[in-house]
Amino acid sequence: MQGMKIRSPWRKKNYRPLSFSKNSGWRISKGQLHLSLGRGRPRIDLSIPTVLDSATGEEVDPGLWGEIQLCWDRDKRRFSLHIPYETLREVSVGDALSAIDEGIINSMALATWVDDKTIDVTIINGREAPAIKRQRNKAVGQLQHKISKCKNGSKKHKRLVTAKKKINSKAKLSLRDFDHQVSNKAANHVISHNTARVIVGDVRGIEKETKSKRRMGRHGRQQLSQWSRGRQERYLKDKTGLDLDFLNESGSTKTCPACLTRNRPSGRPYRCKNPICGFTCHRDAVGAINILQKALCGEYTPIGPDIKVRVTYLRAVERWSLDQREAHPKVQCRKARARSSAQNRALSEATQISKPKLANSSTSTDSSVPDQLVVVA
């Protein structure tokens, strides 16, 4: 019909995963992976994917693969294979016990007795995850505001929806990598101390009823609802081969591990207000030590005045801090070149002025700052 705009009907497409059982749904022959869709239907032939063990980084033999699923990723708009595999790593044969205090600012703080006089504490910084989520939430919110003003099915609407899915996909990959990094560093602590049992402070359900009971503001509720604590615990369980036991952690970060005095710390540092004690340490380290003592003795028990607490700070993902960037000469040279080139371009467009000289950046005294910091309290 002339003069009328005709468009094919639109409907929402739902995709469900396709499962291929081992030895019957999928098989490997002639250097290819064959996925069977049933009798009378053509099969799917793929090149054999490389599957790496998340703990050791070694390639997993296809004989250890399980049921394969072909899943549709709505954000990336493509199919992906989910391949589970059987792990052959040995469970720790030691007799040590490790306690974990979980949080949003610091993802995990692990405490383990090394000997009768020393406690090792590893704190894994988790500030990158809230930054990724905050950036994603702001970008998605801006796009959603624009989408609400568009007509469904228009070109602009489709373009904005595609951009929204791209942001969600990028953030999902970054958060998955972050959780793997956190669990990997936590597993290194557990394995290096020959831990046979892992105790985790029970924070399950902490995000429930926070609004009705007015326990937290909207920003805190958003961080709790988007906290990927469960996935980190699952990754840690897979990497260590140990089951995680949960223990009530109420008052663990307020109780002094040296004299059991109740304090209300502000910020990350912890200082006991008892003038006789004066114990100082990291707040999350105090929580992990108290959980460890409660798991060993059944209640919060003082560790003693002569105990040495050795705290190690780790970044979940290796990034350069501001101090490292300022101390590294190569970064200073790059920044100087970038500033000078931008300035020269601006000056050349306006008037003919001689180029400014680059500042000498080789006067830095410290060219390397360690990615981890060990503090003994």
Foldseek 3Di string as FASTA:
>chain_A
DPPDDDDDDDDDDDDDKDKAFPPGQWDDDPQWIWGDPDPPDDIDTHGDDFDADLQPRHTDDPVFWGMKIWDAQPLVRDIDIDIDGDDDDDAQPDAWEKEWEADQQWGIWIWTDLDLFEIEIETEGHPVLVVLVVVLVVLLVVLVVVLVPDDPPDPVNVVSVNVNSPSVVVSVVVVVLLLSLVLNVVLVVCVVSSHNAYEYEDCPPVLPCCPVVVVDDPVVSVSVVPDPSVVSQVSNCSNNVHDYHYDHQPQQLQAALAPRDGHDDDPQWDFDPPPVQGDIDTSRNSSRVQSVCCVVPVHRHHSYDSHKYKYKYAYSDDDDDPVQLLQALVNVVVVQVVVQVVVVVVCVVPDDDDRDDGDDSPPRDDNDDDRMDMDMD
